[in-house]
C-alpha atoms as a PDB file:
ATOM      1  CA  MET A   1     -20.615  26.027  36.126  1.00  0.00           C
ATOM      2  CA  LYS A   2     -19.372  25.433  32.590  1.00  0.00           C
ATOM      3  CA  SER A   3     -15.769  24.990  31.472  1.00  0.00           C
ATOM      4  CA  LEU A   4     -13.957  23.971  28.303  1.00  0.00           C
ATOM      5  CA  ARG A   5     -13.363  20.243  27.928  1.00  0.00           C
ATOM      6  CA  SER A   6     -11.530  18.272  25.225  1.00  0.00           C
ATOM      7  CA  ILE A   7     -14.197  16.030  23.734  1.00  0.00           C
ATOM      8  CA  VAL A   8     -13.398  12.981  21.572  1.00  0.00           C
ATOM      9  CA  ARG A   9     -15.144  13.425  18.221  1.00  0.00           C
ATOM     10  CA  GLY A  10     -13.583  10.575  16.258  1.00  0.00           C
ATOM     11  CA  ALA A  11     -11.038   7.747  16.259  1.00  0.00           C
ATOM     12  CA  GLY A  12      -9.139   6.155  13.395  1.00  0.00           C
ATOM     13  CA  ALA A  13      -6.351   3.689  12.678  1.00  0.00           C
ATOM     14  CA  ALA A  14      -3.959   2.665   9.914  1.00  0.00           C
ATOM     15  CA  LEU A  15      -1.795  -0.445   9.622  1.00  0.00           C
ATOM     16  CA  PRO A  16       0.844  -1.523   7.100  1.00  0.00           C
ATOM     17  CA  LYS A  17      -0.174  -4.196   4.627  1.00  0.00           C
ATOM     18  CA  ARG A  18       2.452  -6.759   5.562  1.00  0.00           C
ATOM     19  CA  VAL A  19       1.722  -9.179   8.401  1.00  0.00           C
ATOM     20  CA  LEU A  20       4.745 -10.799  10.066  1.00  0.00           C
ATOM     21  CA  THR A  21       3.844 -13.927  12.049  1.00  0.00           C
ATOM     22  CA  ASN A  22       5.716 -15.653  14.844  1.00  0.00           C
ATOM     23  CA  ALA A  23       6.330 -18.591  12.528  1.00  0.00           C
ATOM     24  CA  GLU A  24       8.090 -16.299  10.043  1.00  0.00           C
ATOM     25  CA  LEU A  25      10.217 -14.834  12.832  1.00  0.00           C
ATOM     26  CA  ALA A  26      11.178 -18.353  13.944  1.00  0.00           C
ATOM     27  CA  ALA A  27      12.740 -18.820  10.501  1.00  0.00           C
ATOM     28  CA  MET A  28      14.788 -15.624  10.968  1.00  0.00           C
ATOM     29  CA  VAL A  29      16.068 -15.881  14.569  1.00  0.00           C
ATOM     30  CA  ASP A  30      16.304 -18.507  17.319  1.00  0.00           C
ATOM     31  CA  THR A  31      12.742 -18.291  18.613  1.00  0.00           C
ATOM     32  CA  SER A  32       9.355 -19.994  18.346  1.00  0.00           C
ATOM     33  CA  ASP A  33       5.685 -19.136  18.440  1.00  0.00           C
ATOM     34  CA  GLU A  34       5.438 -20.737  21.887  1.00  0.00           C
ATOM     35  CA  TRP A  35       8.406 -18.707  23.233  1.00  0.00           C
ATOM     36  CA  ILE A  36       7.014 -15.420  21.934  1.00  0.00           C
ATOM     37  CA  MET A  37       3.453 -16.088  23.097  1.00  0.00           C
ATOM     38  CA  GLN A  38       4.562 -17.177  26.556  1.00  0.00           C
ATOM     39  CA  ARG A  39       6.668 -14.077  27.144  1.00  0.00           C
ATOM     40  CA  SER A  40       4.609 -11.423  25.403  1.00  0.00           C
ATOM     41  CA  GLY A  41       1.202 -12.601  24.157  1.00  0.00           C
ATOM     42  CA  ILE A  42       2.015 -11.510  20.584  1.00  0.00           C
ATOM     43  CA  ARG A  43       0.992 -13.686  17.613  1.00  0.00           C
ATOM     44  CA  GLU A  44       1.705 -11.320  14.732  1.00  0.00           C
ATOM     45  CA  ARG A  45       2.585  -7.717  13.935  1.00  0.00           C
ATOM     46  CA  ARG A  46       2.491  -5.360  10.949  1.00  0.00           C
ATOM     47  CA  ILE A  47       5.695  -4.253   9.224  1.00  0.00           C
ATOM     48  CA  ALA A  48       5.914  -1.117   7.083  1.00  0.00           C
ATOM     49  CA  GLY A  49       6.835  -1.725   3.465  1.00  0.00           C
ATOM     50  CA  GLU A  50       8.097   0.463   0.669  1.00  0.00           C
ATOM     51  CA  GLY A  51       6.299   3.798   0.662  1.00  0.00           C
ATOM     52  CA  GLU A  52       4.802   3.224   4.114  1.00  0.00           C
ATOM     53  CA  THR A  53       6.261   5.697   6.607  1.00  0.00           C
ATOM     54  CA  THR A  54       5.419   7.110  10.005  1.00  0.00           C
ATOM     55  CA  GLY A  55       3.983  10.128   8.211  1.00  0.00           C
ATOM     56  CA  SER A  56       1.899   8.239   5.653  1.00  0.00           C
ATOM     57  CA  LEU A  57       0.441   5.942   8.319  1.00  0.00           C
ATOM     58  CA  ALA A  58      -0.296   8.960  10.538  1.00  0.00           C
ATOM     59  CA  ALA A  59      -2.098  10.745   7.697  1.00  0.00           C
ATOM     60  CA  ALA A  60      -4.196   7.647   6.941  1.00  0.00           C
ATOM     61  CA  ALA A  61      -5.193   7.285  10.614  1.00  0.00           C
ATOM     62  CA  ALA A  62      -6.013  10.997  10.757  1.00  0.00           C
ATOM     63  CA  ARG A  63      -8.289  10.717   7.718  1.00  0.00           C
ATOM     64  CA  ALA A  64     -10.121   7.797   9.336  1.00  0.00           C
ATOM     65  CA  ALA A  65     -10.593   9.757  12.581  1.00  0.00           C
ATOM     66  CA  LEU A  66     -11.849  12.791  10.654  1.00  0.00           C
ATOM     67  CA  ALA A  67     -14.332  10.604   8.784  1.00  0.00           C
ATOM     68  CA  GLU A  68     -15.833   9.304  12.027  1.00  0.00           C
ATOM     69  CA  ALA A  69     -15.973  12.846  13.374  1.00  0.00           C
ATOM     70  CA  GLN A  70     -17.642  14.008  10.127  1.00  0.00           C
ATOM     71  CA  LEU A  71     -15.056  16.761   9.827  1.00  0.00           C
ATOM     72  CA  THR A  72     -12.487  17.803   7.226  1.00  0.00           C
ATOM     73  CA  PRO A  73      -8.845  18.892   7.595  1.00  0.00           C
ATOM     74  CA  ASP A  74     -10.058  22.488   7.244  1.00  0.00           C
ATOM     75  CA  ASP A  75     -11.793  22.073  10.624  1.00  0.00           C
ATOM     76  CA  ILE A  76      -8.497  21.301  12.426  1.00  0.00           C
ATOM     77  CA  ASP A  77      -6.153  23.932  13.843  1.00  0.00           C
ATOM     78  CA  LEU A  78      -3.688  21.746  15.769  1.00  0.00           C
ATOM     79  CA  ILE A  79      -1.796  18.516  15.079  1.00  0.00           C
ATOM     80  CA  VAL A  80       0.116  16.778  17.873  1.00  0.00           C
ATOM     81  CA  LEU A  81       2.008  13.724  16.615  1.00  0.00           C
ATOM     82  CA  ALA A  82       3.525  11.327  19.152  1.00  0.00           C
ATOM     83  CA  THR A  83       6.404   9.359  17.645  1.00  0.00           C
ATOM     84  CA  SER A  84       9.972   8.282  18.302  1.00  0.00           C
ATOM     85  CA  THR A  85      10.472   7.145  14.687  1.00  0.00           C
ATOM     86  CA  PRO A  86      10.018  10.366  12.690  1.00  0.00           C
ATOM     87  CA  ASP A  87      10.340  10.438   8.915  1.00  0.00           C
ATOM     88  CA  HIS A  88      13.252  12.873   9.192  1.00  0.00           C
ATOM     89  CA  THR A  89      15.386  14.411  11.942  1.00  0.00           C
ATOM     90  CA  PHE A  90      13.539  17.573  10.932  1.00  0.00           C
ATOM     91  CA  PRO A  91      11.110  18.959   9.987  1.00  0.00           C
ATOM     92  CA  ALA A  92       8.588  17.536  12.417  1.00  0.00           C
ATOM     93  CA  THR A  93       6.633  14.672  10.870  1.00  0.00           C
ATOM     94  CA  ALA A  94       3.482  16.444  12.075  1.00  0.00           C
ATOM     95  CA  THR A  95       4.125  19.201   9.525  1.00  0.00           C
ATOM     96  CA  GLU A  96       4.509  16.576   6.804  1.00  0.00           C
ATOM     97  CA  VAL A  97       1.169  15.086   7.862  1.00  0.00           C
ATOM     98  CA  GLN A  98      -0.300  18.591   7.795  1.00  0.00           C
ATOM     99  CA  ASN A  99       0.845  18.869   4.173  1.00  0.00           C
ATOM    100  CA  MET A 100      -0.460  15.394   3.271  1.00  0.00           C
ATOM    101  CA  LEU A 101      -3.884  16.432   4.579  1.00  0.00           C
ATOM    102  CA  GLY A 102      -3.806  19.629   2.551  1.00  0.00           C
ATOM    103  CA  MET A 103      -3.790  21.862   5.621  1.00  0.00           C
ATOM    104  CA  THR A 104      -2.161  25.278   5.634  1.00  0.00           C
ATOM    105  CA  GLN A 105      -3.706  26.577   8.844  1.00  0.00           C
ATOM    106  CA  GLY A 106      -2.964  25.938  12.493  1.00  0.00           C
ATOM    107  CA  ALA A 107       0.098  24.500  14.224  1.00  0.00           C
ATOM    108  CA  ALA A 108       1.718  21.079  14.007  1.00  0.00           C
ATOM    109  CA  PHE A 109       4.510  19.525  16.055  1.00  0.00           C
ATOM    110  CA  ASP A 110       5.938  16.181  17.188  1.00  0.00           C
ATOM    111  CA  ILE A 111       6.253  14.955  20.751  1.00  0.00           C
ATOM    112  CA  ASN A 112       8.636  12.180  21.826  1.00  0.00           C
ATOM    113  CA  ALA A 113       8.023  10.257  25.026  1.00  0.00           C
ATOM    114  CA  VAL A 114       8.491   6.871  23.317  1.00  0.00           C
ATOM    115  CA  CYS A 115       5.719   4.426  24.305  1.00  0.00           C
ATOM    116  CA  SER A 116       4.169   7.045  26.608  1.00  0.00           C
ATOM    117  CA  GLY A 117       3.990   9.505  23.731  1.00  0.00           C
ATOM    118  CA  PHE A 118       0.253   9.247  23.180  1.00  0.00           C
ATOM    119  CA  VAL A 119      -0.531   9.925  26.848  1.00  0.00           C
ATOM    120  CA  TYR A 120       1.881  12.868  26.816  1.00  0.00           C
ATOM    121  CA  GLY A 121       0.311  14.044  23.574  1.00  0.00           C
ATOM    122  CA  LEU A 122      -3.187  13.805  25.023  1.00  0.00           C
ATOM    123  CA  ALA A 123      -2.193  15.909  28.026  1.00  0.00           C
ATOM    124  CA  THR A 124      -0.555  18.464  25.725  1.00  0.00           C
ATOM    125  CA  ALA A 125      -3.416  18.732  23.235  1.00  0.00           C
ATOM    126  CA  ASP A 126      -5.914  18.936  26.095  1.00  0.00           C
ATOM    127  CA  LYS A 127      -4.127  21.937  27.556  1.00  0.00           C
ATOM    128  CA  PHE A 128      -4.039  23.694  24.174  1.00  0.00           C
ATOM    129  CA  LEU A 129      -7.766  23.138  23.702  1.00  0.00           C
ATOM    130  CA  ARG A 130      -8.797  24.079  27.232  1.00  0.00           C
ATOM    131  CA  SER A 131      -6.830  27.316  26.925  1.00  0.00           C
ATOM    132  CA  GLY A 132      -9.302  28.430  24.270  1.00  0.00           C
ATOM    133  CA  ASP A 133      -6.534  29.195  21.764  1.00  0.00           C
ATOM    134  CA  HIS A 134      -7.375  26.187  19.565  1.00  0.00           C
ATOM    135  CA  LYS A 135     -10.703  24.624  18.653  1.00  0.00           C
ATOM    136  CA  ARG A 136      -9.964  21.163  17.244  1.00  0.00           C
ATOM    137  CA  ALA A 137      -6.908  18.927  17.347  1.00  0.00           C
ATOM    138  CA  LEU A 138      -5.687  15.819  15.628  1.00  0.00           C
ATOM    139  CA  LEU A 139      -3.850  13.730  18.212  1.00  0.00           C
ATOM    140  CA  ILE A 140      -1.876  10.997  16.476  1.00  0.00           C
ATOM    141  CA  GLY A 141       0.424   8.195  17.581  1.00  0.00           C
ATOM    142  CA  SER A 142       2.429   6.733  14.708  1.00  0.00           C
ATOM    143  CA  GLU A 143       5.496   4.502  14.613  1.00  0.00           C
ATOM    144  CA  THR A 144       7.671   2.439  12.272  1.00  0.00           C
ATOM    145  CA  PHE A 145       9.713   0.653  14.917  1.00  0.00           C
ATOM    146  CA  SER A 146      10.671  -2.072  12.444  1.00  0.00           C
ATOM    147  CA  ARG A 147      13.223   0.393  11.070  1.00  0.00           C
ATOM    148  CA  ILE A 148      15.150   0.722  14.340  1.00  0.00           C
ATOM    149  CA  LEU A 149      15.157  -2.961  15.307  1.00  0.00           C
ATOM    150  CA  ASP A 150      18.150  -5.261  15.333  1.00  0.00           C
ATOM    151  CA  TRP A 151      16.636  -8.211  13.487  1.00  0.00           C
ATOM    152  CA  SER A 152      19.268 -10.557  14.906  1.00  0.00           C
ATOM    153  CA  ASP A 153      18.235  -9.783  18.514  1.00  0.00           C
ATOM    154  CA  ARG A 154      15.403 -12.155  19.387  1.00  0.00           C
ATOM    155  CA  THR A 155      14.712 -10.381  22.678  1.00  0.00           C
ATOM    156  CA  THR A 156      13.530  -7.211  20.900  1.00  0.00           C
ATOM    157  CA  CYS A 157      12.711  -7.899  17.254  1.00  0.00           C
ATOM    158  CA  VAL A 158       9.798 -10.197  18.160  1.00  0.00           C
ATOM    159  CA  LEU A 159       8.059  -7.562  20.284  1.00  0.00           C
ATOM    160  CA  PHE A 160       7.506  -4.532  18.077  1.00  0.00           C
ATOM    161  CA  GLY A 161       5.366  -3.589  15.112  1.00  0.00           C
ATOM    162  CA  ASP A 162       4.297  -0.610  13.032  1.00  0.00           C
ATOM    163  CA  GLY A 163       1.044   1.346  12.816  1.00  0.00           C
ATOM    164  CA  ALA A 164      -0.813   4.543  13.608  1.00  0.00           C
ATOM    165  CA  GLY A 165      -3.905   5.647  15.493  1.00  0.00           C
ATOM    166  CA  ALA A 166      -5.569   9.032  15.845  1.00  0.00           C
ATOM    167  CA  LEU A 167      -8.222  10.923  17.766  1.00  0.00           C
ATOM    168  CA  VAL A 168     -10.042  14.110  16.851  1.00  0.00           C
ATOM    169  CA  LEU A 169     -10.444  16.277  19.937  1.00  0.00           C
ATOM    170  CA  GLU A 170     -12.700  19.324  20.117  1.00  0.00           C
ATOM    171  CA  ALA A 171     -12.945  22.060  22.748  1.00  0.00           C
ATOM    172  CA  GLN A 172     -16.537  22.247  23.974  1.00  0.00           C
ATOM    173  CA  GLU A 173     -18.178  23.984  26.879  1.00  0.00           C
ATOM    174  CA  SER A 174     -19.417  21.413  29.345  1.00  0.00           C
ATOM    175  CA  ASP A 175     -20.976  21.280  32.766  1.00  0.00           C
ATOM    176  CA  ARG A 176     -18.685  19.869  35.393  1.00  0.00           C
ATOM    177  CA  GLY A 177     -19.837  16.607  36.884  1.00  0.00           C
ATOM    178  CA  PRO A 178     -19.446  12.841  36.678  1.00  0.00           C
ATOM    179  CA  ALA A 179     -21.319  12.569  33.371  1.00  0.00           C
ATOM    180  CA  ALA A 180     -19.412  15.356  31.582  1.00  0.00           C
ATOM    181  CA  ARG A 181     -17.675  14.140  28.424  1.00  0.00           C
ATOM    182  CA  GLY A 182     -14.039  14.709  27.571  1.00  0.00           C
ATOM    183  CA  VAL A 183     -10.552  14.394  29.017  1.00  0.00           C
ATOM    184  CA  ILE A 184     -11.037  14.422  32.783  1.00  0.00           C
ATOM    185  CA  SER A 185      -7.496  14.158  34.071  1.00  0.00           C
ATOM    186  CA  SER A 186      -3.967  13.214  33.033  1.00  0.00           C
ATOM    187  CA  HIS A 187      -0.855  12.472  35.052  1.00  0.00           C
ATOM    188  CA  LEU A 188       2.655  12.345  33.589  1.00  0.00           C
ATOM    189  CA  ARG A 189       5.919  11.165  35.104  1.00  0.00           C
ATOM    190  CA  SER A 190       9.528  10.529  34.066  1.00  0.00           C
ATOM    191  CA  ASP A 191      12.821   9.404  35.599  1.00  0.00           C
ATOM    192  CA  GLY A 192      15.929   9.758  33.458  1.00  0.00           C
ATOM    193  CA  ARG A 193      18.039   7.547  35.705  1.00  0.00           C
ATOM    194  CA  TYR A 194      16.726   4.507  33.839  1.00  0.00           C
ATOM    195  CA  ARG A 195      17.719   5.563  30.337  1.00  0.00           C
ATOM    196  CA  ASP A 196      19.912   2.495  29.782  1.00  0.00           C
ATOM    197  CA  LYS A 197      17.045   0.083  30.468  1.00  0.00           C
ATOM    198  CA  LEU A 198      15.231   1.013  27.232  1.00  0.00           C
ATOM    199  CA  TYR A 199      16.854   3.194  24.598  1.00  0.00           C
ATOM    200  CA  VAL A 200      18.146   3.477  21.025  1.00  0.00           C
ATOM    201  CA  ASP A 201      21.929   3.389  20.687  1.00  0.00           C
ATOM    202  CA  GLY A 202      22.177   6.134  18.085  1.00  0.00           C
ATOM    203  CA  GLY A 203      21.307   9.740  17.348  1.00  0.00           C
ATOM    204  CA  PRO A 204      22.429  12.774  15.317  1.00  0.00           C
ATOM    205  CA  SER A 205      24.331  14.390  18.187  1.00  0.00           C
ATOM    206  CA  THR A 206      26.062  11.277  19.537  1.00  0.00           C
ATOM    207  CA  THR A 207      26.702   8.752  16.769  1.00  0.00           C
ATOM    208  CA  GLN A 208      25.332  10.461  13.657  1.00  0.00           C
ATOM    209  CA  THR A 209      23.358   7.269  13.025  1.00  0.00           C
ATOM    210  CA  VAL A 210      19.784   6.139  13.647  1.00  0.00           C
ATOM    211  CA  GLY A 211      20.846   3.244  15.892  1.00  0.00           C
ATOM    212  CA  HIS A 212      18.938   0.216  17.142  1.00  0.00           C
ATOM    213  CA  LEU A 213      16.567  -0.360  20.030  1.00  0.00           C
ATOM    214  CA  ARG A 214      18.106  -1.899  23.159  1.00  0.00           C
ATOM    215  CA  MET A 215      16.178  -3.139  26.183  1.00  0.00           C
ATOM    216  CA  GLU A 216      16.637  -4.884  29.522  1.00  0.00           C
ATOM    217  CA  GLY A 217      13.312  -6.675  29.520  1.00  0.00           C
ATOM    218  CA  ARG A 218      13.204  -7.841  33.136  1.00  0.00           C
ATOM    219  CA  GLU A 219      13.995  -4.387  34.485  1.00  0.00           C
ATOM    220  CA  VAL A 220      11.401  -2.748  32.251  1.00  0.00           C
ATOM    221  CA  PHE A 221       8.779  -5.265  33.408  1.00  0.00           C
ATOM    222  CA  ARG A 222       9.568  -4.666  37.078  1.00  0.00           C
ATOM    223  CA  HIS A 223       9.357  -0.886  36.832  1.00  0.00           C
ATOM    224  CA  ALA A 224       6.309  -0.936  34.541  1.00  0.00           C
ATOM    225  CA  VAL A 225       4.011  -2.825  36.907  1.00  0.00           C
ATOM    226  CA  VAL A 226       4.871  -0.592  39.863  1.00  0.00           C
ATOM    227  CA  ASN A 227       4.957   2.746  38.046  1.00  0.00           C
ATOM    228  CA  LEU A 228       1.803   2.211  36.010  1.00  0.00           C
ATOM    229  CA  ALA A 229      -0.255   1.051  38.983  1.00  0.00           C
ATOM    230  CA  GLU A 230       0.856   4.091  40.987  1.00  0.00           C
ATOM    231  CA  THR A 231       0.030   6.640  38.281  1.00  0.00           C
ATOM    232  CA  MET A 232      -3.379   5.065  37.611  1.00  0.00           C
ATOM    233  CA  GLN A 233      -4.195   5.096  41.314  1.00  0.00           C
ATOM    234  CA  GLU A 234      -3.170   8.755  41.355  1.00  0.00           C
ATOM    235  CA  THR A 235      -5.510   9.484  38.445  1.00  0.00           C
ATOM    236  CA  LEU A 236      -8.407   7.759  40.175  1.00  0.00           C
ATOM    237  CA  ARG A 237      -7.769   9.558  43.475  1.00  0.00           C
ATOM    238  CA  ALA A 238      -7.590  12.922  41.724  1.00  0.00           C
ATOM    239  CA  THR A 239     -10.930  12.381  39.988  1.00  0.00           C
ATOM    240  CA  GLY A 240     -12.830  10.638  42.751  1.00  0.00           C
ATOM    241  CA  TYR A 241     -13.454   7.500  40.703  1.00  0.00           C
ATOM    242  CA  SER A 242     -12.633   3.918  41.625  1.00  0.00           C
ATOM    243  CA  ALA A 243     -11.569   0.972  39.503  1.00  0.00           C
ATOM    244  CA  ALA A 244     -15.164  -0.257  39.637  1.00  0.00           C
ATOM    245  CA  ASP A 245     -16.271   2.875  37.752  1.00  0.00           C
ATOM    246  CA  ILE A 246     -14.026   2.182  34.761  1.00  0.00           C
ATOM    247  CA  ASP A 247     -15.890   0.847  31.733  1.00  0.00           C
ATOM    248  CA  TRP A 248     -12.762   0.153  29.674  1.00  0.00           C
ATOM    249  CA  PHE A 249      -9.094  -0.089  30.538  1.00  0.00           C
ATOM    250  CA  VAL A 250      -7.005   0.576  27.411  1.00  0.00           C
ATOM    251  CA  PRO A 251      -3.340   0.035  28.319  1.00  0.00           C
ATOM    252  CA  HIS A 252      -0.217   0.436  26.238  1.00  0.00           C
ATOM    253  CA  GLN A 253       0.040  -2.836  24.346  1.00  0.00           C
ATOM    254  CA  ALA A 254       3.580  -3.823  25.310  1.00  0.00           C
ATOM    255  CA  ASN A 255       3.404  -7.189  27.034  1.00  0.00           C
ATOM    256  CA  ARG A 256       0.458  -9.348  28.096  1.00  0.00           C
ATOM    257  CA  ARG A 257       2.051 -10.143  31.456  1.00  0.00           C
ATOM    258  CA  ILE A 258       2.495  -6.435  32.256  1.00  0.00           C
ATOM    259  CA  ILE A 259      -1.100  -5.708  31.245  1.00  0.00           C
ATOM    260  CA  ASP A 260      -2.501  -8.587  33.323  1.00  0.00           C
ATOM    261  CA  ALA A 261      -0.389  -7.713  36.375  1.00  0.00           C
ATOM    262  CA  THR A 262      -1.313  -4.028  36.197  1.00  0.00           C
ATOM    263  CA  ALA A 263      -5.031  -4.696  35.789  1.00  0.00           C
ATOM    264  CA  GLN A 264      -4.971  -7.180  38.671  1.00  0.00           C
ATOM    265  CA  LYS A 265      -3.087  -4.751  40.897  1.00  0.00           C
ATOM    266  CA  LEU A 266      -5.741  -2.113  40.224  1.00  0.00           C
ATOM    267  CA  GLY A 267      -8.686  -4.532  40.520  1.00  0.00           C
ATOM    268  CA  ILE A 268      -9.914  -4.282  36.925  1.00  0.00           C
ATOM    269  CA  GLU A 269     -11.602  -7.404  35.572  1.00  0.00           C
ATOM    270  CA  PRO A 270     -10.116  -8.977  32.412  1.00  0.00           C
ATOM    271  CA  ASP A 271     -13.333  -8.508  30.425  1.00  0.00           C
ATOM    272  CA  ARG A 272     -12.927  -4.723  30.761  1.00  0.00           C
ATOM    273  CA  VAL A 273      -9.412  -4.685  29.290  1.00  0.00           C
ATOM    274  CA  VAL A 274      -8.982  -3.859  25.594  1.00  0.00           C
ATOM    275  CA  LEU A 275      -6.260  -5.997  24.004  1.00  0.00           C
ATOM    276  CA  THR A 276      -4.852  -5.700  20.477  1.00  0.00           C
ATOM    277  CA  LEU A 277      -1.354  -6.864  21.393  1.00  0.00           C
ATOM    278  CA  ASP A 278      -1.767 -10.284  19.805  1.00  0.00           C
ATOM    279  CA  LYS A 279      -2.345  -8.780  16.337  1.00  0.00           C
ATOM    280  CA  HIS A 280      -0.278  -5.591  16.461  1.00  0.00           C
ATOM    281  CA  GLY A 281       2.636  -6.243  18.809  1.00  0.00           C
ATOM    282  CA  ASN A 282       4.083  -3.261  20.629  1.00  0.00           C
ATOM    283  CA  THR A 283       3.546  -0.239  18.372  1.00  0.00           C
ATOM    284  CA  SER A 284       4.885   2.215  20.976  1.00  0.00           C
ATOM    285  CA  ALA A 285       3.048   5.576  20.810  1.00  0.00           C
ATOM    286  CA  ALA A 286       0.556   4.107  18.328  1.00  0.00           C
ATOM    287  CA  SER A 287      -0.606   1.253  20.549  1.00  0.00           C
ATOM    288  CA  ILE A 288      -3.208   3.075  22.672  1.00  0.00           C
ATOM    289  CA  PRO A 289      -4.920   4.911  19.792  1.00  0.00           C
ATOM    290  CA  LEU A 290      -4.916   1.705  17.719  1.00  0.00           C
ATOM    291  CA  ALA A 291      -6.643  -0.087  20.610  1.00  0.00           C
ATOM    292  CA  LEU A 292      -9.082   2.815  21.131  1.00  0.00           C
ATOM    293  CA  ALA A 293      -9.994   2.815  17.447  1.00  0.00           C
ATOM    294  CA  ALA A 294     -10.490  -0.974  17.461  1.00  0.00           C
ATOM    295  CA  ALA A 295     -12.745  -0.887  20.547  1.00  0.00           C
ATOM    296  CA  ARG A 296     -14.706   2.069  19.210  1.00  0.00           C
ATOM    297  CA  GLY A 297     -15.043   0.457  15.797  1.00  0.00           C
ATOM    298  CA  ASP A 298     -16.443  -2.833  17.103  1.00  0.00           C
ATOM    299  CA  GLY A 299     -18.869  -1.092  19.448  1.00  0.00           C
ATOM    300  CA  ARG A 300     -17.243  -1.848  22.775  1.00  0.00           C
ATOM    301  CA  ILE A 301     -16.492   1.788  23.630  1.00  0.00           C
ATOM    302  CA  LYS A 302     -19.754   3.716  23.555  1.00  0.00           C
ATOM    303  CA  ASP A 303     -20.603   7.360  24.118  1.00  0.00           C
ATOM    304  CA  GLY A 304     -20.531   8.064  27.842  1.00  0.00           C
ATOM    305  CA  ASP A 305     -18.101   5.257  28.692  1.00  0.00           C
ATOM    306  CA  LEU A 306     -15.323   5.970  31.170  1.00  0.00           C
ATOM    307  CA  VAL A 307     -11.967   4.983  29.662  1.00  0.00           C
ATOM    308  CA  LEU A 308      -8.647   4.705  31.503  1.00  0.00           C
ATOM    309  CA  ILE A 309      -5.404   4.707  29.491  1.00  0.00           C
ATOM    310  CA  GLU A 310      -1.782   4.228  30.590  1.00  0.00           C
ATOM    311  CA  ALA A 311       1.680   3.717  29.148  1.00  0.00           C
ATOM    312  CA  MET A 312       5.345   3.508  30.073  1.00  0.00           C
ATOM    313  CA  GLY A 313       8.274   3.996  27.716  1.00  0.00           C
ATOM    314  CA  GLY A 314      11.957   4.678  27.421  1.00  0.00           C
ATOM    315  CA  GLY A 315      13.359   7.423  29.537  1.00  0.00           C
ATOM    316  CA  PHE A 316      11.655   6.171  31.678  1.00  0.00           C
ATOM    317  CA  THR A 317       8.468   8.070  30.953  1.00  0.00           C
ATOM    318  CA  TRP A 318       5.018   6.995  32.063  1.00  0.00           C
ATOM    319  CA  GLY A 319       1.539   8.361  32.583  1.00  0.00           C
ATOM    320  CA  SER A 320      -2.187   7.775  32.633  1.00  0.00           C
ATOM    321  CA  ALA A 321      -5.350   9.627  31.718  1.00  0.00           C
ATOM    322  CA  LEU A 322      -9.078   9.326  32.214  1.00  0.00           C
ATOM    323  CA  ILE A 323     -11.547  10.115  29.430  1.00  0.00           C
ATOM    324  CA  ARG A 324     -15.341  10.223  29.366  1.00  0.00           C
ATOM    325  CA  TRP A 325     -16.103   9.233  25.760  1.00  0.00           C
END
């Protein structure tokens, strides 16, 4: 029996030009390369410069994904942009990306689930495509977190970076079965009780300012390991796969200790974990698509591979998804 599946046609990435190293940060705040590496696994990150915005990075990543897919913007009828650092309060940055790509057709909107945004966006785009109402989607995660950081707070400013990643998804009829390509399953969760553990202390309706990122790192770590392991186990149970079946685990690139603990809890070997954290830092909703594009670009992720993704972000929000590439 055939059904519509959301197939990955292409992946792309875009990074700002400026590289900010741990050594440079040590000259700005009371920190060191050793302190940052020990607590996060980050060596450097990219910082958006003049003219580099969430929208411009998103458009560049989208063009790269379209090139791999051998498609043009005219072939796309849906843009879902995951971000918590939009170019403007409104309109949606997705519509600005639509304009940058020269598109006048289809629908475009933003989705905000912070670091979980790409997983939420994947689930959303997948449902649009499987409904049959849309044929091809650009799913983008793009962030300029450097613009909401308190650069005097060493507990947060050392962790985050800027960038964008994108996938082209296409609705295709496919036979059901273990070898069928596409998005297999996604599971989303949230719990608003933990808002104060990871949030931005500003907003149009409350302070009329953008605000800065605030985080209780230990609490986020504790919840992340438990929540992410549970949602990934739920995804595996729902699909009938086991950790041994996973070819590549592509986690949200937030913290090396969280990634290692989560992979160990699930029983995934380190050589099957895709890591870009050391070069990109935590790019929030952009981190998973950046890692997917890197692993696809260097040949690690191949057609037919089974890929597990997960993320947790402010809210709290969290989720996981399974994709047959």
